[in-house]
C-alpha atoms as a PDB file:
ATOM      1  CA  MET A   1     -79.416 117.344 107.285  1.00  0.00           C
ATOM      2  CA  SER A   2     -78.598 119.539 104.310  1.00  0.00           C
ATOM      3  CA  SER A   3     -81.076 119.574 101.471  1.00  0.00           C
ATOM      4  CA  GLU A   4     -78.851 121.402  98.977  1.00  0.00           C
ATOM      5  CA  ILE A   5     -78.038 118.159  97.173  1.00  0.00           C
ATOM      6  CA  ILE A   6     -80.037 115.019  96.553  1.00  0.00           C
ATOM      7  CA  ALA A   7     -79.237 112.420  99.207  1.00  0.00           C
ATOM      8  CA  ASP A   8     -81.121 109.904 101.336  1.00  0.00           C
ATOM      9  CA  GLY A   9     -83.815 111.581 103.428  1.00  0.00           C
ATOM     10  CA  VAL A  10     -84.382 114.470 101.003  1.00  0.00           C
ATOM     11  CA  VAL A  11     -87.745 115.101  99.325  1.00  0.00           C
ATOM     12  CA  VAL A  12     -87.112 115.771  95.649  1.00  0.00           C
ATOM     13  CA  SER A  13     -89.477 117.610  93.330  1.00  0.00           C
ATOM     14  CA  LEU A  14     -88.821 117.080  89.650  1.00  0.00           C
ATOM     15  CA  ALA A  15     -90.184 117.372  86.153  1.00  0.00           C
ATOM     16  CA  TYR A  16     -89.520 114.416  83.894  1.00  0.00           C
ATOM     17  CA  GLN A  17     -90.219 112.902  80.533  1.00  0.00           C
ATOM     18  CA  LEU A  18     -89.893 109.139  80.042  1.00  0.00           C
ATOM     19  CA  GLU A  19     -89.136 107.670  76.622  1.00  0.00           C
ATOM     20  CA  VAL A  20     -89.243 104.051  75.492  1.00  0.00           C
ATOM     21  CA  ASP A  21     -87.995 103.336  71.967  1.00  0.00           C
ATOM     22  CA  GLY A  22     -88.064 107.075  71.203  1.00  0.00           C
ATOM     23  CA  GLU A  23     -91.725 107.436  72.201  1.00  0.00           C
ATOM     24  CA  ILE A  24     -92.812 109.519  75.214  1.00  0.00           C
ATOM     25  CA  VAL A  25     -94.756 107.167  77.496  1.00  0.00           C
ATOM     26  CA  ALA A  26     -95.022 109.334  80.628  1.00  0.00           C
ATOM     27  CA  GLN A  27     -94.276 112.867  81.743  1.00  0.00           C
ATOM     28  CA  THR A  28     -95.108 115.390  84.410  1.00  0.00           C
ATOM     29  CA  GLU A  29     -97.372 118.291  83.544  1.00  0.00           C
ATOM     30  CA  PRO A  30     -96.252 121.922  83.990  1.00  0.00           C
ATOM     31  CA  GLY A  31     -97.042 123.022  87.534  1.00  0.00           C
ATOM     32  CA  ASP A  32     -97.553 119.431  88.695  1.00  0.00           C
ATOM     33  CA  PRO A  33     -94.110 118.027  89.531  1.00  0.00           C
ATOM     34  CA  MET A  34     -93.425 114.528  90.780  1.00  0.00           C
ATOM     35  CA  GLU A  35     -92.185 114.287  94.363  1.00  0.00           C
ATOM     36  CA  TYR A  36     -90.453 111.372  96.002  1.00  0.00           C
ATOM     37  CA  LEU A  37     -88.405 110.587  99.100  1.00  0.00           C
ATOM     38  CA  HIS A  38     -84.844 109.868  98.024  1.00  0.00           C
ATOM     39  CA  GLY A  39     -83.399 106.643  99.409  1.00  0.00           C
ATOM     40  CA  ALA A  40     -86.799 105.061 100.100  1.00  0.00           C
ATOM     41  CA  GLU A  41     -86.919 103.056  96.848  1.00  0.00           C
ATOM     42  CA  ASN A  42     -89.930 105.051  95.590  1.00  0.00           C
ATOM     43  CA  ILE A  43     -88.528 105.278  92.039  1.00  0.00           C
ATOM     44  CA  VAL A  44     -86.577 102.890  89.815  1.00  0.00           C
ATOM     45  CA  PRO A  45     -83.090 102.181  91.204  1.00  0.00           C
ATOM     46  CA  GLY A  46     -81.115 103.470  88.216  1.00  0.00           C
ATOM     47  CA  LEU A  47     -82.872 106.834  88.221  1.00  0.00           C
ATOM     48  CA  GLU A  48     -82.477 107.204  91.978  1.00  0.00           C
ATOM     49  CA  ALA A  49     -78.741 106.455  91.674  1.00  0.00           C
ATOM     50  CA  ALA A  50     -78.341 108.934  88.788  1.00  0.00           C
ATOM     51  CA  LEU A  51     -80.081 111.688  90.781  1.00  0.00           C
ATOM     52  CA  THR A  52     -77.886 111.243  93.879  1.00  0.00           C
ATOM     53  CA  GLY A  53     -75.734 114.343  94.329  1.00  0.00           C
ATOM     54  CA  LYS A  54     -77.721 116.540  91.919  1.00  0.00           C
ATOM     55  CA  ARG A  55     -78.887 120.035  92.910  1.00  0.00           C
ATOM     56  CA  LYS A  56     -81.959 122.184  92.366  1.00  0.00           C
ATOM     57  CA  GLY A  57     -81.919 123.410  88.771  1.00  0.00           C
ATOM     58  CA  ASP A  58     -79.848 120.503  87.454  1.00  0.00           C
ATOM     59  CA  LYS A  59     -81.050 118.889  84.241  1.00  0.00           C
ATOM     60  CA  MET A  60     -79.994 115.486  83.000  1.00  0.00           C
ATOM     61  CA  SER A  61     -80.859 112.629  80.703  1.00  0.00           C
ATOM     62  CA  VAL A  62     -80.176 109.049  81.692  1.00  0.00           C
ATOM     63  CA  THR A  63     -80.774 105.789  79.846  1.00  0.00           C
ATOM     64  CA  LEU A  64     -81.483 102.771  82.038  1.00  0.00           C
ATOM     65  CA  SER A  65     -81.222  99.123  81.091  1.00  0.00           C
ATOM     66  CA  PRO A  66     -84.020  96.822  82.298  1.00  0.00           C
ATOM     67  CA  ASP A  67     -81.923  95.664  85.274  1.00  0.00           C
ATOM     68  CA  GLN A  68     -81.645  99.321  86.420  1.00  0.00           C
ATOM     69  CA  ALA A  69     -85.386  99.878  86.068  1.00  0.00           C
ATOM     70  CA  TYR A  70     -88.219  97.314  86.199  1.00  0.00           C
ATOM     71  CA  GLY A  71     -86.182  94.185  85.490  1.00  0.00           C
ATOM     72  CA  GLU A  72     -86.327  91.738  82.621  1.00  0.00           C
ATOM     73  CA  TYR A  73     -89.652  90.482  81.324  1.00  0.00           C
ATOM     74  CA  ASP A  74     -90.353  87.099  82.955  1.00  0.00           C
ATOM     75  CA  PRO A  75     -92.631  84.741  81.003  1.00  0.00           C
ATOM     76  CA  ASP A  76     -93.090  82.743  84.228  1.00  0.00           C
ATOM     77  CA  ASP A  77     -94.996  85.735  85.662  1.00  0.00           C
ATOM     78  CA  ILE A  78     -97.965  84.987  83.394  1.00  0.00           C
ATOM     79  CA  ASP A  79    -100.645  82.841  85.020  1.00  0.00           C
ATOM     80  CA  GLU A  80    -103.945  81.349  83.962  1.00  0.00           C
ATOM     81  CA  VAL A  81    -106.494  82.045  86.699  1.00  0.00           C
ATOM     82  CA  PRO A  82    -110.033  80.643  86.984  1.00  0.00           C
ATOM     83  CA  LEU A  83    -112.667  83.356  86.548  1.00  0.00           C
ATOM     84  CA  ALA A  84    -114.242  82.107  89.777  1.00  0.00           C
ATOM     85  CA  ASP A  85    -111.119  83.327  91.630  1.00  0.00           C
ATOM     86  CA  ILE A  86    -111.579  86.927  90.477  1.00  0.00           C
ATOM     87  CA  GLY A  87    -114.425  87.650  92.880  1.00  0.00           C
ATOM     88  CA  ASP A  88    -117.385  89.934  92.362  1.00  0.00           C
ATOM     89  CA  MET A  89    -116.521  91.229  88.879  1.00  0.00           C
ATOM     90  CA  GLU A  90    -119.081  90.680  86.158  1.00  0.00           C
ATOM     91  CA  MET A  91    -117.830  89.300  82.841  1.00  0.00           C
ATOM     92  CA  GLY A  92    -118.897  92.523  81.115  1.00  0.00           C
ATOM     93  CA  GLU A  93    -116.562  94.507  83.387  1.00  0.00           C
ATOM     94  CA  LEU A  94    -113.468  92.579  82.294  1.00  0.00           C
ATOM     95  CA  GLU A  95    -111.443  93.891  79.367  1.00  0.00           C
ATOM     96  CA  VAL A  96    -108.151  92.842  77.824  1.00  0.00           C
ATOM     97  CA  GLY A  97    -105.480  95.315  78.968  1.00  0.00           C
ATOM     98  CA  MET A  98    -107.160  96.322  82.213  1.00  0.00           C
ATOM     99  CA  VAL A  99    -105.303  96.116  85.518  1.00  0.00           C
ATOM    100  CA  LEU A 100    -106.615  93.959  88.354  1.00  0.00           C
ATOM    101  CA  GLU A 101    -105.568  93.784  91.988  1.00  0.00           C
ATOM    102  CA  VAL A 102    -105.079  90.109  92.781  1.00  0.00           C
ATOM    103  CA  GLU A 103    -104.699  88.790  96.326  1.00  0.00           C
ATOM    104  CA  ASP A 104    -102.763  85.586  96.968  1.00  0.00           C
ATOM    105  CA  ASP A 105    -103.393  82.991  99.692  1.00  0.00           C
ATOM    106  CA  GLU A 106    -101.183  84.928 102.146  1.00  0.00           C
ATOM    107  CA  GLY A 107    -103.153  88.152 101.641  1.00  0.00           C
ATOM    108  CA  ASP A 108    -100.474  89.899  99.554  1.00  0.00           C
ATOM    109  CA  VAL A 109    -101.891  92.073  96.759  1.00  0.00           C
ATOM    110  CA  TYR A 110    -100.351  92.217  93.274  1.00  0.00           C
ATOM    111  CA  LEU A 111    -101.209  94.140  90.116  1.00  0.00           C
ATOM    112  CA  ALA A 112    -101.882  92.043  87.027  1.00  0.00           C
ATOM    113  CA  PHE A 113    -102.730  92.941  83.438  1.00  0.00           C
ATOM    114  CA  VAL A 114    -105.475  90.990  81.706  1.00  0.00           C
ATOM    115  CA  ARG A 115    -103.939  89.507  78.539  1.00  0.00           C
ATOM    116  CA  GLU A 116    -106.742  87.144  77.494  1.00  0.00           C
ATOM    117  CA  ILE A 117    -110.279  86.388  78.623  1.00  0.00           C
ATOM    118  CA  GLY A 118    -111.416  82.806  78.134  1.00  0.00           C
ATOM    119  CA  ASP A 119    -114.731  81.124  78.879  1.00  0.00           C
ATOM    120  CA  GLU A 120    -113.603  80.002  82.333  1.00  0.00           C
ATOM    121  CA  THR A 121    -110.139  81.510  82.819  1.00  0.00           C
ATOM    122  CA  LEU A 122    -108.157  84.734  82.563  1.00  0.00           C
ATOM    123  CA  LEU A 123    -104.565  84.982  81.394  1.00  0.00           C
ATOM    124  CA  LEU A 124    -102.928  87.455  83.798  1.00  0.00           C
ATOM    125  CA  ASP A 125     -99.518  89.076  83.352  1.00  0.00           C
ATOM    126  CA  PHE A 126     -97.841  90.034  86.639  1.00  0.00           C
ATOM    127  CA  ASN A 127     -94.827  91.698  84.954  1.00  0.00           C
ATOM    128  CA  PRO A 128     -94.545  95.477  85.336  1.00  0.00           C
ATOM    129  CA  PRO A 129     -95.635  97.123  82.059  1.00  0.00           C
ATOM    130  CA  LEU A 130     -92.106  98.442  81.431  1.00  0.00           C
ATOM    131  CA  ALA A 131     -90.292  95.203  82.337  1.00  0.00           C
ATOM    132  CA  GLY A 132     -87.680  94.321  79.739  1.00  0.00           C
ATOM    133  CA  LYS A 133     -87.604  97.863  78.349  1.00  0.00           C
ATOM    134  CA  THR A 134     -84.714 100.313  78.102  1.00  0.00           C
ATOM    135  CA  LEU A 135     -85.920 103.609  79.586  1.00  0.00           C
ATOM    136  CA  THR A 136     -84.645 107.117  78.894  1.00  0.00           C
ATOM    137  CA  TYR A 137     -85.516 109.777  81.459  1.00  0.00           C
ATOM    138  CA  HIS A 138     -85.111 113.517  80.832  1.00  0.00           C
ATOM    139  CA  VAL A 139     -85.226 115.172  84.252  1.00  0.00           C
ATOM    140  CA  GLU A 140     -85.080 118.652  85.778  1.00  0.00           C
ATOM    141  CA  VAL A 141     -84.680 118.987  89.555  1.00  0.00           C
ATOM    142  CA  LEU A 142     -87.194 121.642  90.648  1.00  0.00           C
ATOM    143  CA  GLY A 143     -86.817 121.618  94.415  1.00  0.00           C
ATOM    144  CA  LEU A 144     -85.348 119.898  97.460  1.00  0.00           C
ATOM    145  CA  ARG A 145     -86.259 119.884 101.141  1.00  0.00           C
ATOM    146  CA  PRO A 146     -85.466 117.745 104.159  1.00  0.00           C
ATOM    147  CA  ALA A 147     -88.040 115.023 104.781  1.00  0.00           C
ATOM    148  CA  THR A 148     -90.192 115.324 107.879  1.00  0.00           C
ATOM    149  CA  GLU A 149     -89.968 112.718 110.630  1.00  0.00           C
ATOM    150  CA  ILE A 150     -93.272 111.208 109.563  1.00  0.00           C
ATOM    151  CA  GLU A 151     -92.142 111.014 105.919  1.00  0.00           C
ATOM    152  CA  LEU A 152     -88.984 109.201 106.983  1.00  0.00           C
ATOM    153  CA  GLU A 153     -91.024 106.889 109.205  1.00  0.00           C
ATOM    154  CA  HIS A 154     -93.568 106.115 106.457  1.00  0.00           C
ATOM    155  CA  GLY A 155     -91.027 105.994 103.615  1.00  0.00           C
ATOM    156  CA  HIS A 156     -92.903 108.364 101.309  1.00  0.00           C
ATOM    157  CA  VAL A 157     -93.793 112.040 100.811  1.00  0.00           C
ATOM    158  CA  HIS A 158     -96.654 113.725 102.692  1.00  0.00           C
ATOM    159  CA  GLY A 159     -98.062 117.039 101.448  1.00  0.00           C
ATOM    160  CA  THR A 160     -96.296 118.972  98.721  1.00  0.00           C
ATOM    161  CA  LEU A 161     -93.109 120.949  98.400  1.00  0.00           C
ATOM    162  CA  TRP A 162     -95.079 124.028  97.404  1.00  0.00           C
ATOM    163  CA  ASP A 163     -97.468 124.015 100.418  1.00  0.00           C
ATOM    164  CA  GLU A 164     -95.143 125.846 102.817  1.00  0.00           C
ATOM    165  CA  ASP A 165     -98.045 127.040 104.986  1.00  0.00           C
ATOM    166  CA  GLU A 166     -99.378 123.499 105.434  1.00  0.00           C
ATOM    167  CA  GLU A 167     -98.624 122.028 108.830  1.00  0.00           C
ATOM    168  CA  ASP A 168     -97.999 118.311 109.095  1.00  0.00           C
ATOM    169  CA  ASP A 169    -100.438 117.050 111.699  1.00  0.00           C
ATOM    170  CA  GLY A 170     -99.240 113.478 111.314  1.00  0.00           C
ATOM    171  CA  GLU A 171    -102.008 112.313 108.997  1.00  0.00           C
END
């Protein structure tokens, strides 16, 4: 497989800056690029689609509507949960705005943001923090390489693009 252009099965290293309403909300740091496995749904769909076919050195800006990113904000994804269901946390450890891992009856784990703390309940928001937002990404493609077999099998990157001497021992 060629890794001269971004396509499924290619590990992409990039620098990015993410803006919401003109404000930078996330960015990579110099010397610490983000890496992802293209085609494995590791990044928002609109950005992955926009990067398809790009080459090392390419720069681009792309604005994504909510449906191309984290989806619309869903008020039905806010639930009131009894404090007793939260487990071993002490009341003093809970803060509005913190993120909790919440397990449902089937054992699936979800991230939830604490919106309110009541005497006996928590108001938890299961929407992604950027749901309902229009996102603008400014991206530079820094490097490309073919994914290893184990990366393809696991659906995510192992190691780093810059560790050429590192051997993948399957861990």
